[in-house]
Amino acid sequence: KQWYQRRVRGADEDTINNLYNTVILCEKGLKVFEDSVKSQIEKHILKTIGTDLIRATFSILAEEYECPYSGDTLKLDSLIPYLPKGAKPHGTSLITSITSGSDVAEFLENYSALTDPQFTQLLVRKLDKKKERNLVFAKKQALLESLKLEEKAGELLNIATSLMFLKQQSCLLHIPGRCISSVLKVVSAGLSEEQQHLLEGLQADVVAELRGEAEMSVERKQALRGLVTDIVFGKHDE
């Protein structure tokens, strides 16, 4: 049983480190956006990846500090009274961040403080450059696979946008659908005129489908896949 618990703990740590470093890599790319867009993206990162990270981390802390909870669901604020005095403010701030926050840098600061070795045996670490590149490469491969298989126009454009942004900025992107057009403005600046024109037309097709005005054709979806593949692998760039 002890061996099994160690194995599970190791798997949990891997998941937590993957989520933590994904947040870091998403935060790196935020500097290219205007404040209003940046704030929306930060809220989305915190409510999605941030929430997954805090739930996984708090579950381990609950075991360490013998905070009782039933099943797989831990009421996050129920952990705070069990934490050491120095850790409580960071735990409380993290809950606020994932419920109503819009500052990823502040979230990362509090997370780093909460997972300091003085408070937990959980080993959370930033990736070195080589492992960071490996994580980005793995995310890129997963996105490329999704690009081939996704048929919903809105989701396809989101995947396409993430891949083009990754190519240009070497950062991960995690955005709500309403921010795609803002990201595409940034992406378009690095494209040839021909690519810009094609992307604008394909984006219009997606918007038309989302509004229920016209279904995006199979050929146009394939054109979007082809454009993104060319950009990601450096073809036809000026």
C-alpha atoms as a PDB file:
ATOM      1  CA  LYS A   1       0.000   0.000   0.000  1.00  0.00           C
ATOM      2  CA  GLN A   2       2.830   2.399   0.859  1.00  0.00           C
ATOM      3  CA  TRP A   3       4.423   1.758  -2.562  1.00  0.00           C
ATOM      4  CA  TYR A   4       1.065   2.398  -4.224  1.00  0.00           C
ATOM      5  CA  GLN A   5       0.632   5.683  -2.308  1.00  0.00           C
ATOM      6  CA  ARG A   6       4.103   6.815  -3.389  1.00  0.00           C
ATOM      7  CA  ARG A   7       3.274   5.987  -7.006  1.00  0.00           C
ATOM      8  CA  VAL A   8      -0.015   7.920  -6.831  1.00  0.00           C
ATOM      9  CA  ARG A   9       1.749  10.829  -5.134  1.00  0.00           C
ATOM     10  CA  GLY A  10       4.337  10.839  -7.929  1.00  0.00           C
ATOM     11  CA  ALA A  11       1.607  10.917 -10.572  1.00  0.00           C
ATOM     12  CA  ASP A  12      -0.106  13.778  -8.725  1.00  0.00           C
ATOM     13  CA  GLU A  13       3.169  15.701  -8.560  1.00  0.00           C
ATOM     14  CA  ASP A  14       3.717  15.217 -12.302  1.00  0.00           C
ATOM     15  CA  THR A  15       0.217  16.545 -13.028  1.00  0.00           C
ATOM     16  CA  ILE A  16       0.732  19.515 -10.708  1.00  0.00           C
ATOM     17  CA  ASN A  17       4.117  20.395 -12.206  1.00  0.00           C
ATOM     18  CA  ASN A  18       2.705  20.137 -15.717  1.00  0.00           C
ATOM     19  CA  LEU A  19      -0.184  22.488 -14.830  1.00  0.00           C
ATOM     20  CA  TYR A  20       2.121  24.893 -12.972  1.00  0.00           C
ATOM     21  CA  ASN A  21       4.554  25.182 -15.862  1.00  0.00           C
ATOM     22  CA  THR A  22       1.700  25.495 -18.360  1.00  0.00           C
ATOM     23  CA  VAL A  23       0.471  28.554 -16.445  1.00  0.00           C
ATOM     24  CA  ILE A  24       4.020  29.993 -16.512  1.00  0.00           C
ATOM     25  CA  LEU A  25       4.315  29.449 -20.274  1.00  0.00           C
ATOM     26  CA  CYS A  26       0.876  31.006 -20.884  1.00  0.00           C
ATOM     27  CA  GLU A  27       1.818  34.019 -18.731  1.00  0.00           C
ATOM     28  CA  LYS A  28       4.972  34.639 -20.788  1.00  0.00           C
ATOM     29  CA  GLY A  29       2.972  35.443 -23.917  1.00  0.00           C
ATOM     30  CA  LEU A  30       0.604  37.943 -22.287  1.00  0.00           C
ATOM     31  CA  LYS A  31       2.948  40.918 -22.734  1.00  0.00           C
ATOM     32  CA  VAL A  32       1.999  41.310 -26.413  1.00  0.00           C
ATOM     33  CA  PHE A  33      -1.645  42.143 -25.623  1.00  0.00           C
ATOM     34  CA  GLU A  34      -3.377  45.373 -24.663  1.00  0.00           C
ATOM     35  CA  ASP A  35      -4.445  45.539 -21.015  1.00  0.00           C
ATOM     36  CA  SER A  36      -8.168  44.968 -21.689  1.00  0.00           C
ATOM     37  CA  VAL A  37      -7.482  41.790 -23.696  1.00  0.00           C
ATOM     38  CA  LYS A  38      -4.706  40.688 -21.332  1.00  0.00           C
ATOM     39  CA  SER A  39      -7.090  40.912 -18.376  1.00  0.00           C
ATOM     40  CA  GLN A  40      -9.708  38.719 -20.093  1.00  0.00           C
ATOM     41  CA  ILE A  41      -7.106  36.091 -20.991  1.00  0.00           C
ATOM     42  CA  GLU A  42      -5.679  36.107 -17.460  1.00  0.00           C
ATOM     43  CA  LYS A  43      -9.142  35.553 -15.964  1.00  0.00           C
ATOM     44  CA  HIS A  44      -9.634  32.609 -18.330  1.00  0.00           C
ATOM     45  CA  ILE A  45      -6.249  31.056 -17.450  1.00  0.00           C
ATOM     46  CA  LEU A  46      -6.993  31.352 -13.726  1.00  0.00           C
ATOM     47  CA  LYS A  47     -10.537  29.968 -13.951  1.00  0.00           C
ATOM     48  CA  THR A  48      -9.443  26.946 -16.023  1.00  0.00           C
ATOM     49  CA  ILE A  49      -5.816  25.786 -15.653  1.00  0.00           C
ATOM     50  CA  GLY A  50      -5.414  27.731 -12.400  1.00  0.00           C
ATOM     51  CA  THR A  51      -8.444  26.036 -10.861  1.00  0.00           C
ATOM     52  CA  ASP A  52      -7.196  22.574 -11.877  1.00  0.00           C
ATOM     53  CA  LEU A  53      -3.790  23.379 -10.367  1.00  0.00           C
ATOM     54  CA  ILE A  54      -5.229  24.619  -7.057  1.00  0.00           C
ATOM     55  CA  ARG A  55      -7.648  21.696  -6.694  1.00  0.00           C
ATOM     56  CA  ALA A  56      -4.835  19.185  -7.254  1.00  0.00           C
ATOM     57  CA  THR A  57      -2.446  21.037  -4.926  1.00  0.00           C
ATOM     58  CA  PHE A  58      -4.995  21.595  -2.159  1.00  0.00           C
ATOM     59  CA  SER A  59      -5.909  17.886  -2.234  1.00  0.00           C
ATOM     60  CA  ILE A  60      -2.299  16.984  -1.410  1.00  0.00           C
ATOM     61  CA  LEU A  61      -2.088  19.692   1.259  1.00  0.00           C
ATOM     62  CA  ALA A  62      -5.340  18.390   2.771  1.00  0.00           C
ATOM     63  CA  GLU A  63      -3.708  14.963   3.183  1.00  0.00           C
ATOM     64  CA  GLU A  64      -0.562  16.485   4.682  1.00  0.00           C
ATOM     65  CA  TYR A  65      -2.473  18.637   7.180  1.00  0.00           C
ATOM     66  CA  GLU A  66      -5.188  16.022   7.838  1.00  0.00           C
ATOM     67  CA  CYS A  67      -8.024  18.226   6.629  1.00  0.00           C
ATOM     68  CA  PRO A  68     -11.038  15.902   6.279  1.00  0.00           C
ATOM     69  CA  TYR A  69     -12.991  15.834   3.032  1.00  0.00           C
ATOM     70  CA  SER A  70     -15.249  13.274   1.411  1.00  0.00           C
ATOM     71  CA  GLY A  71     -14.924  11.737  -2.022  1.00  0.00           C
ATOM     72  CA  ASP A  72     -12.869  13.544  -4.665  1.00  0.00           C
ATOM     73  CA  THR A  73     -14.233  17.005  -3.931  1.00  0.00           C
ATOM     74  CA  LEU A  74     -12.461  19.286  -1.510  1.00  0.00           C
ATOM     75  CA  LYS A  75     -14.192  22.536  -0.555  1.00  0.00           C
ATOM     76  CA  LEU A  76     -11.169  24.731  -1.065  1.00  0.00           C
ATOM     77  CA  ASP A  77     -11.684  27.196   1.777  1.00  0.00           C
ATOM     78  CA  SER A  78     -12.132  24.328   4.249  1.00  0.00           C
ATOM     79  CA  LEU A  79      -8.368  23.716   3.999  1.00  0.00           C
ATOM     80  CA  ILE A  80      -7.307  27.216   5.122  1.00  0.00           C
ATOM     81  CA  PRO A  81      -7.812  26.727   8.908  1.00  0.00           C
ATOM     82  CA  TYR A  82      -5.579  23.632   8.774  1.00  0.00           C
ATOM     83  CA  LEU A  83      -2.648  25.435   7.128  1.00  0.00           C
ATOM     84  CA  PRO A  84       0.275  26.947   9.098  1.00  0.00           C
ATOM     85  CA  LYS A  85      -0.118  30.635   9.953  1.00  0.00           C
ATOM     86  CA  GLY A  86       2.422  31.740   7.340  1.00  0.00           C
ATOM     87  CA  ALA A  87       0.704  29.759   4.574  1.00  0.00           C
ATOM     88  CA  LYS A  88      -2.890  30.874   5.198  1.00  0.00           C
ATOM     89  CA  PRO A  89      -2.725  34.276   3.401  1.00  0.00           C
ATOM     90  CA  HIS A  90      -1.280  32.617   0.292  1.00  0.00           C
ATOM     91  CA  GLY A  91      -3.960  29.915   0.301  1.00  0.00           C
ATOM     92  CA  THR A  92      -6.712  32.516   0.668  1.00  0.00           C
ATOM     93  CA  SER A  93      -5.238  34.691  -2.105  1.00  0.00           C
ATOM     94  CA  LEU A  94      -5.084  31.702  -4.471  1.00  0.00           C
ATOM     95  CA  ILE A  95      -8.771  30.926  -3.912  1.00  0.00           C
ATOM     96  CA  THR A  96      -9.585  34.577  -4.678  1.00  0.00           C
ATOM     97  CA  SER A  97      -7.430  34.430  -7.822  1.00  0.00           C
ATOM     98  CA  ILE A  98      -9.245  31.462  -9.356  1.00  0.00           C
ATOM     99  CA  THR A  99     -12.712  32.750  -8.465  1.00  0.00           C
ATOM    100  CA  SER A 100     -12.441  36.445  -9.325  1.00  0.00           C
ATOM    101  CA  GLY A 101      -8.813  37.311 -10.080  1.00  0.00           C
ATOM    102  CA  SER A 102      -7.133  38.575 -13.241  1.00  0.00           C
ATOM    103  CA  ASP A 103      -3.443  38.689 -12.313  1.00  0.00           C
ATOM    104  CA  VAL A 104      -1.528  35.551 -13.255  1.00  0.00           C
ATOM    105  CA  ALA A 105       1.817  36.912 -11.995  1.00  0.00           C
ATOM    106  CA  GLU A 106       0.320  37.476  -8.533  1.00  0.00           C
ATOM    107  CA  PHE A 107      -1.198  33.978  -8.636  1.00  0.00           C
ATOM    108  CA  LEU A 108       2.212  32.462  -9.433  1.00  0.00           C
ATOM    109  CA  GLU A 109       3.865  34.406  -6.600  1.00  0.00           C
ATOM    110  CA  ASN A 110       1.325  33.155  -4.068  1.00  0.00           C
ATOM    111  CA  TYR A 111       1.519  29.627  -5.444  1.00  0.00           C
ATOM    112  CA  SER A 112       5.301  29.602  -5.142  1.00  0.00           C
ATOM    113  CA  ALA A 113       5.022  30.844  -1.542  1.00  0.00           C
ATOM    114  CA  LEU A 114       2.365  28.272  -0.584  1.00  0.00           C
ATOM    115  CA  THR A 115       4.384  25.375  -2.011  1.00  0.00           C
ATOM    116  CA  ASP A 116       7.615  26.440  -0.332  1.00  0.00           C
ATOM    117  CA  PRO A 117       9.353  23.440   1.314  1.00  0.00           C
ATOM    118  CA  GLN A 118       8.640  24.913   4.770  1.00  0.00           C
ATOM    119  CA  PHE A 119       4.922  24.276   4.156  1.00  0.00           C
ATOM    120  CA  THR A 120       4.774  21.077   2.085  1.00  0.00           C
ATOM    121  CA  GLN A 121       6.670  18.009   0.922  1.00  0.00           C
ATOM    122  CA  LEU A 122       5.163  18.549  -2.516  1.00  0.00           C
ATOM    123  CA  LEU A 123       7.999  19.233  -4.955  1.00  0.00           C
ATOM    124  CA  VAL A 124       6.993  21.966  -7.398  1.00  0.00           C
ATOM    125  CA  ARG A 125       9.671  23.291  -9.716  1.00  0.00           C
ATOM    126  CA  LYS A 126      10.040  25.478 -12.769  1.00  0.00           C
ATOM    127  CA  LEU A 127      11.281  23.639 -15.814  1.00  0.00           C
ATOM    128  CA  ASP A 128      14.783  24.199 -17.110  1.00  0.00           C
ATOM    129  CA  LYS A 129      15.085  25.440 -20.694  1.00  0.00           C
ATOM    130  CA  LYS A 130      15.370  21.950 -22.196  1.00  0.00           C
ATOM    131  CA  LYS A 131      12.307  20.584 -20.366  1.00  0.00           C
ATOM    132  CA  GLU A 132      10.404  23.779 -21.141  1.00  0.00           C
ATOM    133  CA  ARG A 133      11.096  23.256 -24.851  1.00  0.00           C
ATOM    134  CA  ASN A 134       9.943  19.638 -24.492  1.00  0.00           C
ATOM    135  CA  LEU A 135       6.668  20.758 -22.877  1.00  0.00           C
ATOM    136  CA  VAL A 136       6.053  23.343 -25.616  1.00  0.00           C
ATOM    137  CA  PHE A 137       6.848  20.717 -28.275  1.00  0.00           C
ATOM    138  CA  ALA A 138       4.420  18.230 -26.677  1.00  0.00           C
ATOM    139  CA  LYS A 139       1.663  20.876 -26.572  1.00  0.00           C
ATOM    140  CA  LYS A 140       2.383  21.762 -30.201  1.00  0.00           C
ATOM    141  CA  GLN A 141       2.114  18.113 -31.277  1.00  0.00           C
ATOM    142  CA  ALA A 142      -1.178  17.739 -29.387  1.00  0.00           C
ATOM    143  CA  LEU A 143      -2.536  20.877 -31.079  1.00  0.00           C
ATOM    144  CA  LEU A 144      -1.437  19.665 -34.524  1.00  0.00           C
ATOM    145  CA  GLU A 145      -3.263  16.383 -33.921  1.00  0.00           C
ATOM    146  CA  SER A 146      -6.381  18.294 -32.809  1.00  0.00           C
ATOM    147  CA  LEU A 147      -6.104  20.486 -35.915  1.00  0.00           C
ATOM    148  CA  LYS A 148      -6.411  17.377 -38.110  1.00  0.00           C
ATOM    149  CA  LEU A 149      -9.405  15.966 -36.260  1.00  0.00           C
ATOM    150  CA  GLU A 150     -11.510  18.942 -35.133  1.00  0.00           C
ATOM    151  CA  GLU A 151     -14.619  19.571 -37.246  1.00  0.00           C
ATOM    152  CA  LYS A 152     -16.362  22.355 -35.293  1.00  0.00           C
ATOM    153  CA  ALA A 153     -15.431  25.643 -36.953  1.00  0.00           C
ATOM    154  CA  GLY A 154     -15.115  27.637 -33.711  1.00  0.00           C
ATOM    155  CA  GLU A 155     -12.895  25.055 -32.040  1.00  0.00           C
ATOM    156  CA  LEU A 156     -10.833  24.667 -35.210  1.00  0.00           C
ATOM    157  CA  LEU A 157     -10.135  28.414 -35.310  1.00  0.00           C
ATOM    158  CA  ASN A 158      -9.167  28.379 -31.609  1.00  0.00           C
ATOM    159  CA  ILE A 159      -6.669  25.551 -32.222  1.00  0.00           C
ATOM    160  CA  ALA A 160      -5.365  27.304 -35.351  1.00  0.00           C
ATOM    161  CA  THR A 161      -4.897  30.558 -33.426  1.00  0.00           C
ATOM    162  CA  SER A 162      -3.003  28.790 -30.623  1.00  0.00           C
ATOM    163  CA  LEU A 163      -0.653  27.111 -33.108  1.00  0.00           C
ATOM    164  CA  MET A 164       0.125  30.315 -35.014  1.00  0.00           C
ATOM    165  CA  PHE A 165       0.729  32.195 -31.749  1.00  0.00           C
ATOM    166  CA  LEU A 166       3.008  29.413 -30.485  1.00  0.00           C
ATOM    167  CA  LYS A 167       5.011  29.563 -33.709  1.00  0.00           C
ATOM    168  CA  GLN A 168       5.512  33.327 -33.462  1.00  0.00           C
ATOM    169  CA  GLN A 169       5.951  33.819 -29.710  1.00  0.00           C
ATOM    170  CA  SER A 170       7.265  30.401 -28.534  1.00  0.00           C
ATOM    171  CA  CYS A 171       4.630  30.652 -25.774  1.00  0.00           C
ATOM    172  CA  LEU A 172       1.475  28.759 -25.027  1.00  0.00           C
ATOM    173  CA  LEU A 173      -1.911  30.390 -25.493  1.00  0.00           C
ATOM    174  CA  HIS A 174      -5.045  29.651 -23.497  1.00  0.00           C
ATOM    175  CA  ILE A 175      -7.881  31.981 -24.436  1.00  0.00           C
ATOM    176  CA  PRO A 176     -11.664  32.314 -24.324  1.00  0.00           C
ATOM    177  CA  GLY A 177     -13.349  32.342 -27.736  1.00  0.00           C
ATOM    178  CA  ARG A 178     -14.199  36.052 -27.446  1.00  0.00           C
ATOM    179  CA  CYS A 179     -10.476  36.931 -27.516  1.00  0.00           C
ATOM    180  CA  ILE A 180      -9.622  35.068 -30.727  1.00  0.00           C
ATOM    181  CA  SER A 181     -10.028  38.110 -32.982  1.00  0.00           C
ATOM    182  CA  SER A 182      -7.659  40.133 -30.748  1.00  0.00           C
ATOM    183  CA  VAL A 183      -5.058  37.367 -30.891  1.00  0.00           C
ATOM    184  CA  LEU A 184      -5.415  37.078 -34.664  1.00  0.00           C
ATOM    185  CA  LYS A 185      -4.579  40.796 -34.999  1.00  0.00           C
ATOM    186  CA  VAL A 186      -1.282  40.080 -33.244  1.00  0.00           C
ATOM    187  CA  VAL A 187      -0.672  36.942 -35.307  1.00  0.00           C
ATOM    188  CA  SER A 188      -1.517  38.652 -38.624  1.00  0.00           C
ATOM    189  CA  ALA A 189       1.242  41.218 -38.175  1.00  0.00           C
ATOM    190  CA  GLY A 190       3.792  38.435 -38.737  1.00  0.00           C
ATOM    191  CA  LEU A 191       2.162  37.022 -41.884  1.00  0.00           C
ATOM    192  CA  SER A 192       2.541  37.797 -45.564  1.00  0.00           C
ATOM    193  CA  GLU A 193      -0.206  39.865 -47.222  1.00  0.00           C
ATOM    194  CA  GLU A 194      -1.496  36.762 -48.998  1.00  0.00           C
ATOM    195  CA  GLN A 195      -1.686  34.823 -45.727  1.00  0.00           C
ATOM    196  CA  GLN A 196      -3.383  37.763 -43.980  1.00  0.00           C
ATOM    197  CA  HIS A 197      -6.035  37.977 -46.686  1.00  0.00           C
ATOM    198  CA  LEU A 198      -6.710  34.241 -46.586  1.00  0.00           C
ATOM    199  CA  LEU A 199      -6.890  34.234 -42.774  1.00  0.00           C
ATOM    200  CA  GLU A 200      -9.368  37.139 -42.745  1.00  0.00           C
ATOM    201  CA  GLY A 201     -11.649  35.291 -45.160  1.00  0.00           C
ATOM    202  CA  LEU A 202     -11.464  32.045 -43.181  1.00  0.00           C
ATOM    203  CA  GLN A 203     -12.151  33.887 -39.929  1.00  0.00           C
ATOM    204  CA  ALA A 204     -15.230  35.468 -41.537  1.00  0.00           C
ATOM    205  CA  ASP A 205     -16.440  31.968 -42.540  1.00  0.00           C
ATOM    206  CA  VAL A 206     -16.098  30.763 -38.940  1.00  0.00           C
ATOM    207  CA  VAL A 207     -17.969  33.792 -37.587  1.00  0.00           C
ATOM    208  CA  ALA A 208     -20.751  33.223 -40.123  1.00  0.00           C
ATOM    209  CA  GLU A 209     -21.131  29.610 -38.945  1.00  0.00           C
ATOM    210  CA  LEU A 210     -21.125  30.593 -35.269  1.00  0.00           C
ATOM    211  CA  ARG A 211     -23.875  33.123 -35.989  1.00  0.00           C
ATOM    212  CA  GLY A 212     -25.897  30.478 -37.806  1.00  0.00           C
ATOM    213  CA  GLU A 213     -25.702  32.361 -41.108  1.00  0.00           C
ATOM    214  CA  ALA A 214     -23.798  29.799 -43.190  1.00  0.00           C
ATOM    215  CA  GLU A 215     -22.022  26.523 -42.539  1.00  0.00           C
ATOM    216  CA  MET A 216     -18.275  26.529 -43.132  1.00  0.00           C
ATOM    217  CA  SER A 217     -17.507  24.125 -45.972  1.00  0.00           C
ATOM    218  CA  VAL A 218     -15.203  21.125 -45.668  1.00  0.00           C
ATOM    219  CA  GLU A 219     -12.931  22.751 -48.259  1.00  0.00           C
ATOM    220  CA  ARG A 220     -12.646  25.980 -46.269  1.00  0.00           C
ATOM    221  CA  LYS A 221     -11.864  24.085 -43.076  1.00  0.00           C
ATOM    222  CA  GLN A 222      -9.148  22.250 -44.960  1.00  0.00           C
ATOM    223  CA  ALA A 223      -7.845  25.587 -46.265  1.00  0.00           C
ATOM    224  CA  LEU A 224      -7.545  26.787 -42.655  1.00  0.00           C
ATOM    225  CA  ARG A 225      -5.654  23.624 -41.710  1.00  0.00           C
ATOM    226  CA  GLY A 226      -3.357  24.091 -44.710  1.00  0.00           C
ATOM    227  CA  LEU A 227      -2.660  27.747 -43.894  1.00  0.00           C
ATOM    228  CA  VAL A 228      -1.781  26.948 -40.284  1.00  0.00           C
ATOM    229  CA  THR A 229       0.434  24.020 -41.285  1.00  0.00           C
ATOM    230  CA  ASP A 230       2.317  26.269 -43.728  1.00  0.00           C
ATOM    231  CA  ILE A 231       2.818  28.930 -41.041  1.00  0.00           C
ATOM    232  CA  VAL A 232       3.877  26.475 -38.333  1.00  0.00           C
ATOM    233  CA  PHE A 233       6.409  24.757 -40.598  1.00  0.00           C
ATOM    234  CA  GLY A 234       7.657  28.002 -42.112  1.00  0.00           C
ATOM    235  CA  LYS A 235       6.383  27.694 -45.673  1.00  0.00           C
ATOM    236  CA  HIS A 236       5.545  30.685 -47.880  1.00  0.00           C
ATOM    237  CA  ASP A 237       6.633  33.230 -45.248  1.00  0.00           C
ATOM    238  CA  GLU A 238       8.029  36.494 -46.528  1.00  0.00           C
END
